[in-house]
């Protein structure tokens, strides 16, 4: 089949990977120096780096935030994670961080990219005391994701919902805020929302140009400013320092990307708690 490759997952399923147009997860993999990407992903990735040479550093800062926030949540007593928009596995994965703190942690990963399914085995290497599971699903269908996640997670106990580098690919017209609201509403008190989100607040002209590149390839890019990102946490209590440039969120907890270029890296991050 022209423009596609077949991915075979360890769960026995198969899916077709569309290699005729770039995919955000594979571009992210290329920026991180991975090999699970295709020429079409590298082409757009290079165009974006030419526009803003800090983009690979943004990808690393996003990854470092995930590690620090996961470590913070596990140390705070969270033993269940639902990670939507997992992306191509890059060690350490979320479950390795969380189970390194508490071996009995249970993690459900979810993504809509068939190439992630092909690498699901790497996401399923749990400790004997804990559990990891992978489900194929689309963030725009939260009800289906929650239904499958309940097979592994106990929604009567706190869950950390991870939406890392996901929501800037979900435009308002696709109900980005409604999706988050529905997911959070299913979580019991004591649960947390952790997310990162790309922004054009610091470099609006570059952001508009990046949006045009994505649109020309039938991809969505919804870069939001800090006020718009804070709105995702509506009704929750933000963990200090609140929504901030991702690399400034508790840098003492782990890896931090050294400053690159002028100005802050254009990605926000935050963690917030539900309930009393």
C-alpha atoms as a PDB file:
ATOM      1  CA  UNK A   1       0.000   0.000   0.000  1.00  0.00           C
ATOM      2  CA  UNK A   2       1.595   3.267  -1.122  1.00  0.00           C
ATOM      3  CA  UNK A   3       2.449   5.732   1.634  1.00  0.00           C
ATOM      4  CA  UNK A   4       1.837   3.295   4.480  1.00  0.00           C
ATOM      5  CA  UNK A   5       3.700   0.734   6.526  1.00  0.00           C
ATOM      6  CA  UNK A   6       2.220  -1.981   8.674  1.00  0.00           C
ATOM      7  CA  UNK A   7       2.926  -1.899  12.410  1.00  0.00           C
ATOM      8  CA  UNK A   8       2.563  -5.100  14.364  1.00  0.00           C
ATOM      9  CA  UNK A   9       1.966  -4.662  18.075  1.00  0.00           C
ATOM     10  CA  UNK A  10       2.876  -7.201  20.733  1.00  0.00           C
ATOM     11  CA  UNK A  11      -0.819  -7.424  21.574  1.00  0.00           C
ATOM     12  CA  UNK A  12      -1.393  -9.225  18.292  1.00  0.00           C
ATOM     13  CA  UNK A  13      -3.068  -6.329  16.476  1.00  0.00           C
ATOM     14  CA  UNK A  14      -1.875  -4.499  13.419  1.00  0.00           C
ATOM     15  CA  UNK A  15      -2.378  -1.016  12.095  1.00  0.00           C
ATOM     16  CA  UNK A  16      -1.241   1.022   9.131  1.00  0.00           C
ATOM     17  CA  UNK A  17       1.156   3.904   9.651  1.00  0.00           C
ATOM     18  CA  UNK A  18       0.572   6.734   7.206  1.00  0.00           C
ATOM     19  CA  UNK A  19       4.021   7.803   6.038  1.00  0.00           C
ATOM     20  CA  UNK A  20       2.666  10.178   3.406  1.00  0.00           C
ATOM     21  CA  UNK A  21       2.356  13.057   5.877  1.00  0.00           C
ATOM     22  CA  UNK A  22       4.203  14.014   9.073  1.00  0.00           C
ATOM     23  CA  UNK A  23       2.956  12.995  12.498  1.00  0.00           C
ATOM     24  CA  UNK A  24       3.643  15.089  15.654  1.00  0.00           C
ATOM     25  CA  UNK A  25       4.766  12.071  17.724  1.00  0.00           C
ATOM     26  CA  UNK A  26       7.295  11.031  15.081  1.00  0.00           C
ATOM     27  CA  UNK A  27       8.565  14.606  14.688  1.00  0.00           C
ATOM     28  CA  UNK A  28       9.002  14.757  18.466  1.00  0.00           C
ATOM     29  CA  UNK A  29      10.973  11.506  18.238  1.00  0.00           C
ATOM     30  CA  UNK A  30      13.213  13.055  15.563  1.00  0.00           C
ATOM     31  CA  UNK A  31      13.857  16.173  17.670  1.00  0.00           C
ATOM     32  CA  UNK A  32      14.899  13.902  20.553  1.00  0.00           C
ATOM     33  CA  UNK A  33      17.335  12.041  18.317  1.00  0.00           C
ATOM     34  CA  UNK A  34      15.190   8.924  17.942  1.00  0.00           C
ATOM     35  CA  UNK A  35      14.954   6.643  14.928  1.00  0.00           C
ATOM     36  CA  UNK A  36      11.208   5.903  14.853  1.00  0.00           C
ATOM     37  CA  UNK A  37      10.380   8.534  12.261  1.00  0.00           C
ATOM     38  CA  UNK A  38      10.218   8.896   8.483  1.00  0.00           C
ATOM     39  CA  UNK A  39      11.627  11.367   5.923  1.00  0.00           C
ATOM     40  CA  UNK A  40       8.330  13.265   5.870  1.00  0.00           C
ATOM     41  CA  UNK A  41       8.615  13.822   9.642  1.00  0.00           C
ATOM     42  CA  UNK A  42      12.246  14.916   9.386  1.00  0.00           C
ATOM     43  CA  UNK A  43      11.403  17.317   6.563  1.00  0.00           C
ATOM     44  CA  UNK A  44       8.843  19.270   8.573  1.00  0.00           C
ATOM     45  CA  UNK A  45      10.940  18.906  11.722  1.00  0.00           C
ATOM     46  CA  UNK A  46      13.883  20.558   9.977  1.00  0.00           C
ATOM     47  CA  UNK A  47      11.698  23.364   8.636  1.00  0.00           C
ATOM     48  CA  UNK A  48      10.471  24.125  12.138  1.00  0.00           C
ATOM     49  CA  UNK A  49      14.000  24.029  13.574  1.00  0.00           C
ATOM     50  CA  UNK A  50      15.121  26.446  10.850  1.00  0.00           C
ATOM     51  CA  UNK A  51      12.355  28.732  12.052  1.00  0.00           C
ATOM     52  CA  UNK A  52      13.252  28.330  15.747  1.00  0.00           C
ATOM     53  CA  UNK A  53      16.495  26.471  16.580  1.00  0.00           C
ATOM     54  CA  UNK A  54      15.297  25.987  20.178  1.00  0.00           C
ATOM     55  CA  UNK A  55      12.647  23.410  19.248  1.00  0.00           C
ATOM     56  CA  UNK A  56      14.802  20.350  20.091  1.00  0.00           C
ATOM     57  CA  UNK A  57      15.491  21.969  23.480  1.00  0.00           C
ATOM     58  CA  UNK A  58      11.724  22.452  23.923  1.00  0.00           C
ATOM     59  CA  UNK A  59      11.238  18.718  23.300  1.00  0.00           C
ATOM     60  CA  UNK A  60      13.907  17.891  25.886  1.00  0.00           C
ATOM     61  CA  UNK A  61      12.423  20.361  28.383  1.00  0.00           C
ATOM     62  CA  UNK A  62       9.012  18.776  27.905  1.00  0.00           C
ATOM     63  CA  UNK A  63      10.463  15.337  28.584  1.00  0.00           C
ATOM     64  CA  UNK A  64      12.326  16.587  31.644  1.00  0.00           C
ATOM     65  CA  UNK A  65       9.134  18.160  33.021  1.00  0.00           C
ATOM     66  CA  UNK A  66       7.319  14.826  32.684  1.00  0.00           C
ATOM     67  CA  UNK A  67      10.042  13.120  34.680  1.00  0.00           C
ATOM     68  CA  UNK A  68      10.075  15.736  37.451  1.00  0.00           C
ATOM     69  CA  UNK A  69       6.281  15.988  37.714  1.00  0.00           C
ATOM     70  CA  UNK A  70       5.882  12.203  37.763  1.00  0.00           C
ATOM     71  CA  UNK A  71       8.503  11.932  40.502  1.00  0.00           C
ATOM     72  CA  UNK A  72       6.721  14.677  42.488  1.00  0.00           C
ATOM     73  CA  UNK A  73       3.346  12.940  42.154  1.00  0.00           C
ATOM     74  CA  UNK A  74       4.694   9.502  43.090  1.00  0.00           C
ATOM     75  CA  UNK A  75       6.441  10.986  46.110  1.00  0.00           C
ATOM     76  CA  UNK A  76       3.144  12.668  47.050  1.00  0.00           C
ATOM     77  CA  UNK A  77       1.507   9.219  47.194  1.00  0.00           C
ATOM     78  CA  UNK A  78      -0.084   8.826  43.767  1.00  0.00           C
ATOM     79  CA  UNK A  79      -0.060   5.180  42.724  1.00  0.00           C
ATOM     80  CA  UNK A  80      -2.110   5.352  39.508  1.00  0.00           C
ATOM     81  CA  UNK A  81      -1.399   7.238  36.272  1.00  0.00           C
ATOM     82  CA  UNK A  82      -3.391   7.671  33.058  1.00  0.00           C
ATOM     83  CA  UNK A  83      -1.051   9.013  30.371  1.00  0.00           C
ATOM     84  CA  UNK A  84      -2.879  10.173  27.227  1.00  0.00           C
ATOM     85  CA  UNK A  85      -0.774  11.171  24.243  1.00  0.00           C
ATOM     86  CA  UNK A  86       2.017   8.847  25.330  1.00  0.00           C
ATOM     87  CA  UNK A  87       4.135   9.187  22.224  1.00  0.00           C
ATOM     88  CA  UNK A  88       6.904   6.889  21.060  1.00  0.00           C
ATOM     89  CA  UNK A  89       8.628   5.305  24.086  1.00  0.00           C
ATOM     90  CA  UNK A  90      11.752   7.174  25.211  1.00  0.00           C
ATOM     91  CA  UNK A  91      13.476   5.935  28.354  1.00  0.00           C
ATOM     92  CA  UNK A  92      12.899   6.575  31.110  1.00  0.00           C
ATOM     93  CA  UNK A  93       9.192   6.190  30.451  1.00  0.00           C
ATOM     94  CA  UNK A  94       6.604   7.474  32.917  1.00  0.00           C
ATOM     95  CA  UNK A  95       6.067   4.069  34.534  1.00  0.00           C
ATOM     96  CA  UNK A  96       9.815   3.662  35.126  1.00  0.00           C
ATOM     97  CA  UNK A  97       9.921   6.970  37.004  1.00  0.00           C
ATOM     98  CA  UNK A  98       6.794   6.253  39.060  1.00  0.00           C
ATOM     99  CA  UNK A  99       7.611   2.629  39.823  1.00  0.00           C
ATOM    100  CA  UNK A 100      11.132   3.672  40.759  1.00  0.00           C
ATOM    101  CA  UNK A 101       9.524   5.596  43.629  1.00  0.00           C
ATOM    102  CA  UNK A 102       6.706   3.107  44.350  1.00  0.00           C
ATOM    103  CA  UNK A 103       6.950  -0.325  42.683  1.00  0.00           C
ATOM    104  CA  UNK A 104       3.199  -0.979  43.108  1.00  0.00           C
ATOM    105  CA  UNK A 105       2.215   1.910  40.810  1.00  0.00           C
ATOM    106  CA  UNK A 106      -0.276   1.153  38.030  1.00  0.00           C
ATOM    107  CA  UNK A 107       0.000   2.990  34.700  1.00  0.00           C
ATOM    108  CA  UNK A 108      -2.239   3.080  31.631  1.00  0.00           C
ATOM    109  CA  UNK A 109      -0.789   4.582  28.454  1.00  0.00           C
ATOM    110  CA  UNK A 110      -2.956   5.784  25.572  1.00  0.00           C
ATOM    111  CA  UNK A 111      -2.128   7.098  22.101  1.00  0.00           C
ATOM    112  CA  UNK A 112      -3.729   7.193  18.659  1.00  0.00           C
ATOM    113  CA  UNK A 113      -0.528   6.724  16.632  1.00  0.00           C
ATOM    114  CA  UNK A 114      -0.140   3.149  15.302  1.00  0.00           C
ATOM    115  CA  UNK A 115       3.651   3.387  15.623  1.00  0.00           C
ATOM    116  CA  UNK A 116       3.231   3.631  19.413  1.00  0.00           C
ATOM    117  CA  UNK A 117       1.264   0.380  19.311  1.00  0.00           C
ATOM    118  CA  UNK A 118       4.220  -1.180  17.500  1.00  0.00           C
ATOM    119  CA  UNK A 119       6.416  -0.254  20.472  1.00  0.00           C
ATOM    120  CA  UNK A 120       3.882  -1.064  23.190  1.00  0.00           C
ATOM    121  CA  UNK A 121       6.092  -3.834  24.565  1.00  0.00           C
ATOM    122  CA  UNK A 122       8.478  -1.203  25.908  1.00  0.00           C
ATOM    123  CA  UNK A 123       5.566   0.391  27.762  1.00  0.00           C
ATOM    124  CA  UNK A 124       4.414  -2.871  29.327  1.00  0.00           C
ATOM    125  CA  UNK A 125       7.558  -3.819  31.254  1.00  0.00           C
ATOM    126  CA  UNK A 126       6.114  -3.290  34.700  1.00  0.00           C
ATOM    127  CA  UNK A 127       7.498  -4.207  38.079  1.00  0.00           C
ATOM    128  CA  UNK A 128       5.962  -7.417  39.480  1.00  0.00           C
ATOM    129  CA  UNK A 129       4.157  -5.380  42.158  1.00  0.00           C
ATOM    130  CA  UNK A 130       2.646  -2.854  39.732  1.00  0.00           C
ATOM    131  CA  UNK A 131       1.011  -2.914  36.319  1.00  0.00           C
ATOM    132  CA  UNK A 132       1.258  -1.171  32.961  1.00  0.00           C
ATOM    133  CA  UNK A 133      -1.229  -1.327  30.101  1.00  0.00           C
ATOM    134  CA  UNK A 134      -1.456   0.284  26.673  1.00  0.00           C
ATOM    135  CA  UNK A 135      -4.687   1.177  24.897  1.00  0.00           C
ATOM    136  CA  UNK A 136      -5.147   2.577  21.409  1.00  0.00           C
ATOM    137  CA  UNK A 137      -7.436   5.581  21.606  1.00  0.00           C
ATOM    138  CA  UNK A 138      -8.073   9.178  20.594  1.00  0.00           C
ATOM    139  CA  UNK A 139      -8.050  11.975  23.175  1.00  0.00           C
ATOM    140  CA  UNK A 140     -11.155  13.408  21.511  1.00  0.00           C
ATOM    141  CA  UNK A 141     -13.084  10.329  22.688  1.00  0.00           C
ATOM    142  CA  UNK A 142     -12.506  10.478  26.470  1.00  0.00           C
ATOM    143  CA  UNK A 143     -15.445   8.183  27.286  1.00  0.00           C
ATOM    144  CA  UNK A 144     -13.869   5.301  25.353  1.00  0.00           C
ATOM    145  CA  UNK A 145     -10.474   5.885  26.972  1.00  0.00           C
ATOM    146  CA  UNK A 146     -11.955   5.952  30.466  1.00  0.00           C
ATOM    147  CA  UNK A 147     -13.959   2.781  29.831  1.00  0.00           C
ATOM    148  CA  UNK A 148     -10.815   0.857  28.855  1.00  0.00           C
ATOM    149  CA  UNK A 149      -8.646   2.419  31.567  1.00  0.00           C
ATOM    150  CA  UNK A 150     -11.029   1.139  34.230  1.00  0.00           C
ATOM    151  CA  UNK A 151      -9.819  -2.349  33.431  1.00  0.00           C
ATOM    152  CA  UNK A 152      -6.477  -1.490  35.054  1.00  0.00           C
ATOM    153  CA  UNK A 153      -7.080   1.573  37.224  1.00  0.00           C
ATOM    154  CA  UNK A 154      -9.354   1.904  40.261  1.00  0.00           C
ATOM    155  CA  UNK A 155     -11.244   5.181  39.825  1.00  0.00           C
ATOM    156  CA  UNK A 156     -12.335   5.169  43.471  1.00  0.00           C
ATOM    157  CA  UNK A 157      -8.701   5.974  44.324  1.00  0.00           C
ATOM    158  CA  UNK A 158      -6.632   8.995  43.189  1.00  0.00           C
ATOM    159  CA  UNK A 159      -5.319   8.988  39.631  1.00  0.00           C
ATOM    160  CA  UNK A 160      -2.801  11.328  38.008  1.00  0.00           C
ATOM    161  CA  UNK A 161      -3.970  12.317  34.517  1.00  0.00           C
ATOM    162  CA  UNK A 162      -1.011  13.139  32.269  1.00  0.00           C
ATOM    163  CA  UNK A 163      -1.624  15.273  29.155  1.00  0.00           C
ATOM    164  CA  UNK A 164       1.946  16.084  28.222  1.00  0.00           C
ATOM    165  CA  UNK A 165       2.524  17.878  24.888  1.00  0.00           C
ATOM    166  CA  UNK A 166      -0.943  16.855  23.704  1.00  0.00           C
ATOM    167  CA  UNK A 167      -3.427  19.708  23.933  1.00  0.00           C
ATOM    168  CA  UNK A 168      -1.636  22.046  21.529  1.00  0.00           C
ATOM    169  CA  UNK A 169      -2.683  19.562  18.826  1.00  0.00           C
ATOM    170  CA  UNK A 170      -6.353  19.800  19.830  1.00  0.00           C
ATOM    171  CA  UNK A 171      -7.975  23.040  18.589  1.00  0.00           C
ATOM    172  CA  UNK A 172     -10.873  24.720  20.351  1.00  0.00           C
ATOM    173  CA  UNK A 173     -13.268  23.586  17.632  1.00  0.00           C
ATOM    174  CA  UNK A 174     -12.408  19.968  18.536  1.00  0.00           C
ATOM    175  CA  UNK A 175     -13.486  20.666  22.116  1.00  0.00           C
ATOM    176  CA  UNK A 176     -10.086  20.766  23.837  1.00  0.00           C
ATOM    177  CA  UNK A 177     -11.485  22.210  27.073  1.00  0.00           C
ATOM    178  CA  UNK A 178     -14.470  19.867  27.045  1.00  0.00           C
ATOM    179  CA  UNK A 179     -12.162  16.867  26.657  1.00  0.00           C
ATOM    180  CA  UNK A 180     -10.137  17.853  29.722  1.00  0.00           C
ATOM    181  CA  UNK A 181     -13.284  18.642  31.687  1.00  0.00           C
ATOM    182  CA  UNK A 182     -14.760  15.202  30.942  1.00  0.00           C
ATOM    183  CA  UNK A 183     -11.546  13.400  31.851  1.00  0.00           C
ATOM    184  CA  UNK A 184     -11.074  15.318  35.101  1.00  0.00           C
ATOM    185  CA  UNK A 185     -14.726  14.847  36.083  1.00  0.00           C
ATOM    186  CA  UNK A 186     -14.131  11.062  36.116  1.00  0.00           C
ATOM    187  CA  UNK A 187     -11.286  11.377  38.622  1.00  0.00           C
ATOM    188  CA  UNK A 188     -11.949  11.064  42.377  1.00  0.00           C
ATOM    189  CA  UNK A 189     -10.889  13.744  44.885  1.00  0.00           C
ATOM    190  CA  UNK A 190      -7.166  13.674  45.573  1.00  0.00           C
ATOM    191  CA  UNK A 191      -6.380  13.113  41.889  1.00  0.00           C
ATOM    192  CA  UNK A 192      -4.086  15.354  39.831  1.00  0.00           C
ATOM    193  CA  UNK A 193      -3.837  16.811  36.343  1.00  0.00           C
ATOM    194  CA  UNK A 194      -0.346  17.307  34.907  1.00  0.00           C
ATOM    195  CA  UNK A 195       0.173  18.857  31.494  1.00  0.00           C
ATOM    196  CA  UNK A 196       2.510  20.742  29.240  1.00  0.00           C
ATOM    197  CA  UNK A 197       1.460  23.004  26.388  1.00  0.00           C
ATOM    198  CA  UNK A 198       3.319  24.805  23.618  1.00  0.00           C
ATOM    199  CA  UNK A 199       2.847  28.550  23.423  1.00  0.00           C
ATOM    200  CA  UNK A 200       3.292  31.378  20.978  1.00  0.00           C
ATOM    201  CA  UNK A 201       3.105  33.994  23.726  1.00  0.00           C
ATOM    202  CA  UNK A 202       6.822  34.834  23.593  1.00  0.00           C
ATOM    203  CA  UNK A 203       7.330  34.699  19.802  1.00  0.00           C
ATOM    204  CA  UNK A 204       3.939  35.295  18.130  1.00  0.00           C
ATOM    205  CA  UNK A 205       5.297  35.731  14.591  1.00  0.00           C
ATOM    206  CA  UNK A 206       7.190  32.429  14.736  1.00  0.00           C
ATOM    207  CA  UNK A 207       4.089  30.785  16.168  1.00  0.00           C
ATOM    208  CA  UNK A 208       1.938  32.015  13.273  1.00  0.00           C
ATOM    209  CA  UNK A 209       4.503  30.740  10.758  1.00  0.00           C
ATOM    210  CA  UNK A 210       4.623  27.349  12.493  1.00  0.00           C
ATOM    211  CA  UNK A 211       0.840  27.184  12.423  1.00  0.00           C
ATOM    212  CA  UNK A 212       0.880  27.845   8.686  1.00  0.00           C
ATOM    213  CA  UNK A 213       3.372  24.997   8.144  1.00  0.00           C
ATOM    214  CA  UNK A 214       1.170  22.595  10.089  1.00  0.00           C
ATOM    215  CA  UNK A 215      -2.002  23.737   8.339  1.00  0.00           C
ATOM    216  CA  UNK A 216      -0.378  23.261   4.922  1.00  0.00           C
ATOM    217  CA  UNK A 217       0.079  19.595   5.850  1.00  0.00           C
ATOM    218  CA  UNK A 218      -3.447  19.171   7.234  1.00  0.00           C
ATOM    219  CA  UNK A 219      -2.173  19.130  10.832  1.00  0.00           C
ATOM    220  CA  UNK A 220      -3.561  21.034  13.802  1.00  0.00           C
ATOM    221  CA  UNK A 221      -1.459  23.357  15.945  1.00  0.00           C
ATOM    222  CA  UNK A 222      -3.231  25.347  18.661  1.00  0.00           C
ATOM    223  CA  UNK A 223      -0.546  27.229  20.558  1.00  0.00           C
ATOM    224  CA  UNK A 224      -2.123  28.965  23.578  1.00  0.00           C
ATOM    225  CA  UNK A 225      -0.990  31.713  25.910  1.00  0.00           C
ATOM    226  CA  UNK A 226      -0.578  31.286  29.668  1.00  0.00           C
ATOM    227  CA  UNK A 227      -4.119  32.463  30.466  1.00  0.00           C
ATOM    228  CA  UNK A 228      -5.561  29.940  28.018  1.00  0.00           C
ATOM    229  CA  UNK A 229      -3.421  27.148  29.470  1.00  0.00           C
ATOM    230  CA  UNK A 230      -4.494  28.018  33.028  1.00  0.00           C
ATOM    231  CA  UNK A 231      -8.090  27.565  31.888  1.00  0.00           C
ATOM    232  CA  UNK A 232      -7.460  23.805  31.520  1.00  0.00           C
ATOM    233  CA  UNK A 233      -6.982  23.695  35.298  1.00  0.00           C
ATOM    234  CA  UNK A 234     -10.328  25.339  36.052  1.00  0.00           C
ATOM    235  CA  UNK A 235     -11.783  24.062  39.346  1.00  0.00           C
ATOM    236  CA  UNK A 236      -8.471  22.528  40.438  1.00  0.00           C
ATOM    237  CA  UNK A 237      -5.835  23.737  42.895  1.00  0.00           C
ATOM    238  CA  UNK A 238      -2.522  24.420  41.207  1.00  0.00           C
ATOM    239  CA  UNK A 239       0.631  23.107  42.853  1.00  0.00           C
ATOM    240  CA  UNK A 240       3.126  25.966  43.352  1.00  0.00           C
ATOM    241  CA  UNK A 241       4.624  27.575  41.304  1.00  0.00           C
ATOM    242  CA  UNK A 242       1.464  27.180  39.190  1.00  0.00           C
ATOM    243  CA  UNK A 243       1.542  27.294  35.398  1.00  0.00           C
ATOM    244  CA  UNK A 244       5.022  28.350  34.448  1.00  0.00           C
ATOM    245  CA  UNK A 245       7.628  27.829  31.755  1.00  0.00           C
ATOM    246  CA  UNK A 246       8.081  24.057  31.912  1.00  0.00           C
ATOM    247  CA  UNK A 247      11.766  24.158  32.748  1.00  0.00           C
ATOM    248  CA  UNK A 248      11.071  26.354  35.792  1.00  0.00           C
ATOM    249  CA  UNK A 249       8.691  23.851  37.408  1.00  0.00           C
ATOM    250  CA  UNK A 250      10.560  22.324  40.393  1.00  0.00           C
ATOM    251  CA  UNK A 251      13.967  22.078  38.697  1.00  0.00           C
ATOM    252  CA  UNK A 252      15.386  20.651  41.930  1.00  0.00           C
ATOM    253  CA  UNK A 253      13.573  17.365  41.247  1.00  0.00           C
ATOM    254  CA  UNK A 254      15.685  16.265  38.302  1.00  0.00           C
ATOM    255  CA  UNK A 255      17.010  17.055  34.867  1.00  0.00           C
ATOM    256  CA  UNK A 256      16.713  20.617  33.593  1.00  0.00           C
ATOM    257  CA  UNK A 257      17.597  21.763  30.088  1.00  0.00           C
ATOM    258  CA  UNK A 258      20.284  24.482  30.083  1.00  0.00           C
ATOM    259  CA  UNK A 259      19.197  27.904  28.749  1.00  0.00           C
ATOM    260  CA  UNK A 260      19.104  28.044  24.954  1.00  0.00           C
ATOM    261  CA  UNK A 261      19.003  31.286  22.985  1.00  0.00           C
ATOM    262  CA  UNK A 262      17.193  34.404  24.143  1.00  0.00           C
ATOM    263  CA  UNK A 263      14.035  34.332  26.220  1.00  0.00           C
ATOM    264  CA  UNK A 264      12.152  31.442  27.835  1.00  0.00           C
ATOM    265  CA  UNK A 265      11.480  28.170  26.056  1.00  0.00           C
ATOM    266  CA  UNK A 266       7.969  28.380  24.549  1.00  0.00           C
ATOM    267  CA  UNK A 267       6.286  25.642  26.571  1.00  0.00           C
ATOM    268  CA  UNK A 268       4.248  25.873  29.765  1.00  0.00           C
ATOM    269  CA  UNK A 269       3.773  23.189  32.389  1.00  0.00           C
ATOM    270  CA  UNK A 270       1.696  22.742  35.494  1.00  0.00           C
ATOM    271  CA  UNK A 271       0.252  20.270  37.997  1.00  0.00           C
ATOM    272  CA  UNK A 272      -3.024  20.697  39.898  1.00  0.00           C
ATOM    273  CA  UNK A 273      -5.017  18.752  42.492  1.00  0.00           C
ATOM    274  CA  UNK A 274      -8.697  17.905  42.449  1.00  0.00           C
ATOM    275  CA  UNK A 275     -10.816  18.137  45.567  1.00  0.00           C
ATOM    276  CA  UNK A 276     -10.132  19.172  49.139  1.00  0.00           C
END
